C-alpha atoms as a PDB file:
ATOM      1  CA  MET A   1       8.650 -12.528  -5.405  1.00  0.00           C
ATOM      2  CA  LYS A   2       9.443 -10.192  -2.448  1.00  0.00           C
ATOM      3  CA  GLN A   3       6.906  -7.805  -1.680  1.00  0.00           C
ATOM      4  CA  THR A   4       7.662  -4.358  -2.251  1.00  0.00           C
ATOM      5  CA  HIS A   5       6.165  -1.326  -0.411  1.00  0.00           C
ATOM      6  CA  TYR A   6       5.237   2.402  -1.485  1.00  0.00           C
ATOM      7  CA  PHE A   7       5.149   5.840   0.597  1.00  0.00           C
ATOM      8  CA  LEU A   8       5.370   9.248  -0.236  1.00  0.00           C
ATOM      9  CA  ALA A   9       7.759  12.024   0.827  1.00  0.00           C
ATOM     10  CA  VAL A  10       9.338  15.107   0.154  1.00  0.00           C
ATOM     11  CA  PRO A  11      12.401  14.501  -1.688  1.00  0.00           C
ATOM     12  CA  ILE A  12      16.191  16.204  -0.587  1.00  0.00           C
ATOM     13  CA  THR A  13      17.839  18.577  -2.702  1.00  0.00           C
ATOM     14  CA  ASP A  14      21.177  17.374  -3.725  1.00  0.00           C
ATOM     15  CA  GLU A  15      22.994  20.003  -2.007  1.00  0.00           C
ATOM     16  CA  ILE A  16      21.797  19.178   1.149  1.00  0.00           C
ATOM     17  CA  LYS A  17      21.994  15.655   0.375  1.00  0.00           C
ATOM     18  CA  ARG A  18      25.873  16.194  -0.114  1.00  0.00           C
ATOM     19  CA  GLU A  19      26.410  18.123   2.887  1.00  0.00           C
ATOM     20  CA  ILE A  20      24.474  15.850   5.095  1.00  0.00           C
ATOM     21  CA  ALA A  21      26.573  12.508   3.607  1.00  0.00           C
ATOM     22  CA  ASN A  22      29.704  14.602   4.475  1.00  0.00           C
ATOM     23  CA  TRP A  23      28.350  15.114   7.890  1.00  0.00           C
ATOM     24  CA  CYS A  24      27.535  11.478   8.372  1.00  0.00           C
ATOM     25  CA  GLU A  25      31.226  10.169   6.816  1.00  0.00           C
ATOM     26  CA  ARG A  26      32.768  12.685   9.465  1.00  0.00           C
ATOM     27  CA  VAL A  27      30.649  10.618  12.290  1.00  0.00           C
ATOM     28  CA  ALA A  28      30.511   6.990  11.122  1.00  0.00           C
ATOM     29  CA  PRO A  29      33.755   6.161  12.029  1.00  0.00           C
ATOM     30  CA  ARG A  30      33.193   7.364  16.290  1.00  0.00           C
ATOM     31  CA  PHE A  31      29.408   6.227  16.427  1.00  0.00           C
ATOM     32  CA  PRO A  32      28.841   2.807  15.175  1.00  0.00           C
ATOM     33  CA  PHE A  33      25.197   2.577  13.824  1.00  0.00           C
ATOM     34  CA  ARG A  34      24.423  -0.935  11.944  1.00  0.00           C
ATOM     35  CA  THR A  35      23.659   0.794   8.766  1.00  0.00           C
ATOM     36  CA  TRP A  36      24.217   4.503   7.701  1.00  0.00           C
ATOM     37  CA  VAL A  37      21.270   5.949   5.007  1.00  0.00           C
ATOM     38  CA  HIS A  38      22.784   6.352   1.151  1.00  0.00           C
ATOM     39  CA  LYS A  39      22.813   9.667   0.301  1.00  0.00           C
ATOM     40  CA  ASP A  40      20.288   9.018  -2.489  1.00  0.00           C
ATOM     41  CA  ASP A  41      17.616   7.586  -0.118  1.00  0.00           C
ATOM     42  CA  TYR A  42      17.749  10.699   1.906  1.00  0.00           C
ATOM     43  CA  HIS A  43      13.780  12.073   2.383  1.00  0.00           C
ATOM     44  CA  LEU A  44      11.644  12.872   4.476  1.00  0.00           C
ATOM     45  CA  THR A  45       8.138  10.765   4.738  1.00  0.00           C
ATOM     46  CA  LEU A  46       4.702  12.028   4.497  1.00  0.00           C
ATOM     47  CA  ALA A  47       3.194   8.918   4.345  1.00  0.00           C
ATOM     48  CA  PHE A  48       4.056   5.315   4.447  1.00  0.00           C
ATOM     49  CA  LEU A  49       1.467   2.948   2.601  1.00  0.00           C
ATOM     50  CA  GLY A  50       3.246  -0.605   2.609  1.00  0.00           C
ATOM     51  CA  ALA A  51       1.896  -2.690  -0.144  1.00  0.00           C
ATOM     52  CA  VAL A  52       0.086  -1.292  -2.649  1.00  0.00           C
ATOM     53  CA  SER A  53      -2.455  -3.034  -5.646  1.00  0.00           C
ATOM     54  CA  ASP A  54      -2.195  -1.574  -8.957  1.00  0.00           C
ATOM     55  CA  LYS A  55      -5.830   0.035  -8.761  1.00  0.00           C
ATOM     56  CA  GLN A  56      -4.465   1.647  -5.382  1.00  0.00           C
ATOM     57  CA  LEU A  57      -1.529   2.710  -7.004  1.00  0.00           C
ATOM     58  CA  GLN A  58      -3.729   4.375  -9.767  1.00  0.00           C
ATOM     59  CA  ALA A  59      -5.754   6.342  -7.579  1.00  0.00           C
ATOM     60  CA  VAL A  60      -3.127   7.876  -5.309  1.00  0.00           C
ATOM     61  CA  LYS A  61      -1.355   9.222  -7.944  1.00  0.00           C
ATOM     62  CA  GLU A  62      -4.927  10.702  -8.899  1.00  0.00           C
ATOM     63  CA  LYS A  63      -5.428  12.379  -5.264  1.00  0.00           C
ATOM     64  CA  MET A  64      -1.548  13.489  -5.149  1.00  0.00           C
ATOM     65  CA  ALA A  65      -1.520  15.218  -8.268  1.00  0.00           C
ATOM     66  CA  ALA A  66      -4.974  16.841  -7.434  1.00  0.00           C
ATOM     67  CA  ILE A  67      -3.113  17.370  -3.871  1.00  0.00           C
ATOM     68  CA  CYS A  68      -0.173  19.029  -4.849  1.00  0.00           C
ATOM     69  CA  ASN A  69      -2.019  21.322  -7.403  1.00  0.00           C
ATOM     70  CA  ASN A  70      -3.536  23.274  -4.458  1.00  0.00           C
ATOM     71  CA  TYR A  71       0.209  24.263  -3.025  1.00  0.00           C
ATOM     72  CA  LEU A  72       2.901  26.459  -3.956  1.00  0.00           C
ATOM     73  CA  PRO A  73       6.283  25.691  -3.175  1.00  0.00           C
ATOM     74  CA  PHE A  74       7.981  26.279   0.213  1.00  0.00           C
ATOM     75  CA  SER A  75      11.136  25.924   2.025  1.00  0.00           C
ATOM     76  CA  LEU A  76      12.119  23.811   5.286  1.00  0.00           C
ATOM     77  CA  THR A  77      14.848  24.998   7.673  1.00  0.00           C
ATOM     78  CA  LEU A  78      17.027  22.014   8.793  1.00  0.00           C
ATOM     79  CA  LYS A  79      17.621  21.683  12.682  1.00  0.00           C
ATOM     80  CA  ALA A  80      19.275  19.613  15.278  1.00  0.00           C
ATOM     81  CA  ILE A  81      19.768  16.078  15.141  1.00  0.00           C
ATOM     82  CA  GLY A  82      17.897  13.784  17.162  1.00  0.00           C
ATOM     83  CA  THR A  83      17.142   9.855  17.874  1.00  0.00           C
ATOM     84  CA  PHE A  84      14.146   8.030  18.445  1.00  0.00           C
ATOM     85  CA  GLY A  85      14.673   4.892  20.831  1.00  0.00           C
ATOM     86  CA  THR A  86      16.585   4.788  24.112  1.00  0.00           C
ATOM     87  CA  SER A  87      19.256   7.602  24.646  1.00  0.00           C
ATOM     88  CA  SER A  88      22.021   5.202  25.211  1.00  0.00           C
ATOM     89  CA  SER A  89      21.040   2.916  22.434  1.00  0.00           C
ATOM     90  CA  PRO A  90      18.886   4.634  19.744  1.00  0.00           C
ATOM     91  CA  ARG A  91      17.471   2.659  16.801  1.00  0.00           C
ATOM     92  CA  ILE A  92      17.197   6.024  14.715  1.00  0.00           C
ATOM     93  CA  LEU A  93      19.452   9.016  14.328  1.00  0.00           C
ATOM     94  CA  TRP A  94      17.858  11.805  12.108  1.00  0.00           C
ATOM     95  CA  GLN A  95      18.523  15.385  11.185  1.00  0.00           C
ATOM     96  CA  GLY A  96      15.327  17.464  12.046  1.00  0.00           C
ATOM     97  CA  ILE A  97      13.178  20.041  10.367  1.00  0.00           C
ATOM     98  CA  GLU A  98      11.878  23.327  11.959  1.00  0.00           C
ATOM     99  CA  ARG A  99       7.916  23.322  12.145  1.00  0.00           C
ATOM    100  CA  GLU A 100       6.624  24.912   8.738  1.00  0.00           C
ATOM    101  CA  GLU A 101       2.908  25.084   8.651  1.00  0.00           C
ATOM    102  CA  THR A 102       2.622  24.498   5.155  1.00  0.00           C
ATOM    103  CA  LEU A 103       4.241  20.918   5.304  1.00  0.00           C
ATOM    104  CA  TRP A 104       1.354  20.142   8.093  1.00  0.00           C
ATOM    105  CA  LEU A 105      -1.152  21.050   5.933  1.00  0.00           C
ATOM    106  CA  LEU A 106       0.363  19.131   3.164  1.00  0.00           C
ATOM    107  CA  ARG A 107       1.017  16.024   4.956  1.00  0.00           C
ATOM    108  CA  HIS A 108      -2.818  16.440   6.374  1.00  0.00           C
ATOM    109  CA  ASP A 109      -4.371  16.580   3.154  1.00  0.00           C
ATOM    110  CA  ILE A 110      -2.050  13.700   1.788  1.00  0.00           C
ATOM    111  CA  TYR A 111      -3.085  11.522   4.683  1.00  0.00           C
ATOM    112  CA  GLU A 112      -6.822  12.261   4.633  1.00  0.00           C
ATOM    113  CA  ALA A 113      -6.527  11.569   0.694  1.00  0.00           C
ATOM    114  CA  CYS A 114      -5.038   8.171   1.613  1.00  0.00           C
ATOM    115  CA  ARG A 115      -7.471   7.254   4.427  1.00  0.00           C
ATOM    116  CA  ALA A 116     -10.277   7.748   1.908  1.00  0.00           C
ATOM    117  CA  LEU A 117      -8.474   4.917  -0.271  1.00  0.00           C
ATOM    118  CA  ARG A 118      -8.372   2.826   2.707  1.00  0.00           C
ATOM    119  CA  PHE A 119      -4.798   2.637   3.310  1.00  0.00           C
ATOM    120  CA  SER A 120      -3.963   1.684   7.132  1.00  0.00           C
ATOM    121  CA  LEU A 121      -1.465   4.709   8.030  1.00  0.00           C
ATOM    122  CA  ASP A 122       1.074   5.403  11.019  1.00  0.00           C
ATOM    123  CA  ALA A 123      -1.293   7.274  13.659  1.00  0.00           C
ATOM    124  CA  ARG A 124       1.607   8.551  15.737  1.00  0.00           C
ATOM    125  CA  PRO A 125       1.560  12.565  15.779  1.00  0.00           C
ATOM    126  CA  PHE A 126       3.684  13.616  12.607  1.00  0.00           C
ATOM    127  CA  ALA A 127       7.609  13.912  13.344  1.00  0.00           C
ATOM    128  CA  PRO A 128       8.877  15.048  10.068  1.00  0.00           C
ATOM    129  CA  HIS A 129      12.684  14.125   9.672  1.00  0.00           C
ATOM    130  CA  ILE A 130      15.393  12.934   7.399  1.00  0.00           C
ATOM    131  CA  THR A 131      17.012   9.221   8.624  1.00  0.00           C
ATOM    132  CA  LEU A 132      20.494   9.381   8.899  1.00  0.00           C
ATOM    133  CA  ALA A 133      21.270   5.711  10.738  1.00  0.00           C
ATOM    134  CA  ARG A 134      19.427   2.815  12.050  1.00  0.00           C
ATOM    135  CA  LYS A 135      20.578   0.800  15.145  1.00  0.00           C
ATOM    136  CA  TRP A 136      23.409   1.577  17.661  1.00  0.00           C
ATOM    137  CA  GLU A 137      25.809  -1.188  17.922  1.00  0.00           C
ATOM    138  CA  GLY A 138      28.563   0.385  19.953  1.00  0.00           C
ATOM    139  CA  GLU A 139      29.656  -1.297  22.917  1.00  0.00           C
ATOM    140  CA  LYS A 140      29.989   1.685  25.112  1.00  0.00           C
ATOM    141  CA  PRO A 141      26.150   3.658  25.561  1.00  0.00           C
ATOM    142  CA  PHE A 142      25.563   6.589  22.619  1.00  0.00           C
ATOM    143  CA  LEU A 143      26.705   9.601  24.429  1.00  0.00           C
ATOM    144  CA  PHE A 144      24.551  12.695  22.193  1.00  0.00           C
ATOM    145  CA  MET A 145      26.447  15.584  23.053  1.00  0.00           C
ATOM    146  CA  GLU A 146      29.596  13.824  21.543  1.00  0.00           C
ATOM    147  CA  LEU A 147      27.967  14.478  18.008  1.00  0.00           C
ATOM    148  CA  PRO A 148      28.948  17.498  15.767  1.00  0.00           C
ATOM    149  CA  ASP A 149      26.933  20.640  15.242  1.00  0.00           C
ATOM    150  CA  ALA A 150      23.830  19.451  12.960  1.00  0.00           C
ATOM    151  CA  VAL A 151      23.942  20.558   9.132  1.00  0.00           C
ATOM    152  CA  GLU A 152      22.786  23.891   8.580  1.00  0.00           C
ATOM    153  CA  GLY A 153      20.247  24.918   5.898  1.00  0.00           C
ATOM    154  CA  TYR A 154      17.160  24.513   3.587  1.00  0.00           C
ATOM    155  CA  VAL A 155      15.142  22.081   1.719  1.00  0.00           C
ATOM    156  CA  SER A 156      13.175  23.952  -1.052  1.00  0.00           C
ATOM    157  CA  VAL A 157       9.784  21.855  -1.396  1.00  0.00           C
ATOM    158  CA  HIS A 158       8.366  21.340  -5.219  1.00  0.00           C
ATOM    159  CA  GLU A 159       7.012  18.283  -5.459  1.00  0.00           C
ATOM    160  CA  VAL A 160       5.904  15.051  -3.837  1.00  0.00           C
ATOM    161  CA  VAL A 161       7.350  12.026  -4.600  1.00  0.00           C
ATOM    162  CA  LEU A 162       5.910   8.647  -4.925  1.00  0.00           C
ATOM    163  CA  TYR A 163       8.832   6.131  -3.658  1.00  0.00           C
ATOM    164  CA  GLN A 164       8.867   2.064  -4.128  1.00  0.00           C
ATOM    165  CA  THR A 165      11.266   0.206  -1.600  1.00  0.00           C
ATOM    166  CA  HIS A 166      13.928  -2.300  -2.829  1.00  0.00           C
ATOM    167  CA  LEU A 167      15.196  -4.081  -0.324  1.00  0.00           C
ATOM    168  CA  ASP A 168      17.995  -6.112  -2.349  1.00  0.00           C
ATOM    169  CA  ARG A 169      19.482  -2.735  -3.581  1.00  0.00           C
ATOM    170  CA  VAL A 170      21.455   0.286  -2.605  1.00  0.00           C
ATOM    171  CA  PRO A 171      19.931   3.047  -2.851  1.00  0.00           C
ATOM    172  CA  LYS A 172      16.879   1.113  -2.317  1.00  0.00           C
ATOM    173  CA  TYR A 173      14.082   3.574  -2.857  1.00  0.00           C
ATOM    174  CA  GLU A 174      13.015   4.368  -6.595  1.00  0.00           C
ATOM    175  CA  ALA A 175      11.016   7.408  -7.541  1.00  0.00           C
ATOM    176  CA  ILE A 176       8.616   5.949  -9.535  1.00  0.00           C
ATOM    177  CA  ALA A 177       6.162   9.240  -9.789  1.00  0.00           C
ATOM    178  CA  SER A 178       6.745  12.811  -9.147  1.00  0.00           C
ATOM    179  CA  PHE A 179       3.295  15.364  -7.989  1.00  0.00           C
ATOM    180  CA  PRO A 180       4.928  18.793  -8.741  1.00  0.00           C
ATOM    181  CA  LEU A 181       3.173  21.862  -6.434  1.00  0.00           C
ATOM    182  CA  ARG A 182       1.304  24.615  -8.514  1.00  0.00           C
ATOM    183  CA  GLN A 183       4.092  27.008  -9.490  1.00  0.00           C
ATOM    184  CA  ARG A 184       6.220  24.060 -10.703  1.00  0.00           C
ATOM    185  CA  TRP A 185       2.839  22.767 -12.851  1.00  0.00           C
ATOM    186  CA  GLU A 186       1.983  26.323 -14.005  1.00  0.00           C
ATOM    187  CA  GLU A 187       5.668  26.635 -15.453  1.00  0.00           C
ATOM    188  CA  ASN A 188       5.962  23.268 -16.964  1.00  0.00           C
ATOM    189  CA  ASN A 189       2.600  23.468 -18.489  1.00  0.00           C
ATOM    190  CA  ARG A 190       3.848  27.024 -19.808  1.00  0.00           C
ATOM    191  CA  ARG A 191       6.483  25.451 -21.555  1.00  0.00           C
ATOM    192  CA  GLY A 192       4.414  23.293 -23.015  1.00  0.00           C
ATOM    193  CA  HIS A 193       2.212  25.307 -24.656  1.00  0.00           C
ATOM    194  CA  GLU A 194       5.286  27.313 -25.820  1.00  0.00           C
ATOM    195  CA  SER A 195       6.435  24.374 -27.395  1.00  0.00           C
ATOM    196  CA  TRP A 196       3.762  23.265 -29.130  1.00  0.00           C
ATOM    197  CA  GLY A 197       3.226  27.228 -30.755  1.00  0.00           C
ATOM    198  CA  ASN A 198       7.041  26.110 -32.612  1.00  0.00           C
END
């Protein structure tokens, strides 16, 4: 049985997924990366957890529900395309996000909670991004200046999602739990009370 991994992330709205996917379809024929991410797998990682026991999984769900109830929904602004790795042969092509303080605070709280649950987390500085493609395989060096302008727009953040990875599927990330931010939770709770009264 293959080991599965879990991570916590901000999901990307369907409209922005479509716009990014259209950008990638235009770019892919001229930029030979080994893999282009399926549009349903676009996300913004907050914490990679790795392998998780059933007991840890339940604890994560409880912690995330409590943390997300402390935050109101907010928006993120898309910015320029970027890369990780060497400039001539990048290992990752990504869509950037402008700094939004609420996102950094939310990620900090999530990290602290996961560390308290004894997860070993990435210690590198937070660099929020949406991965678009992996592993440059072009015969010639990657030329960043030949890329078209990045997609512009906003990502509305209403929830944090716990994803499970399935390496043998496409798309490969499955949402197994959702943790609404406070306004969404209040709306759902209000609707629930209204339905009980009917």
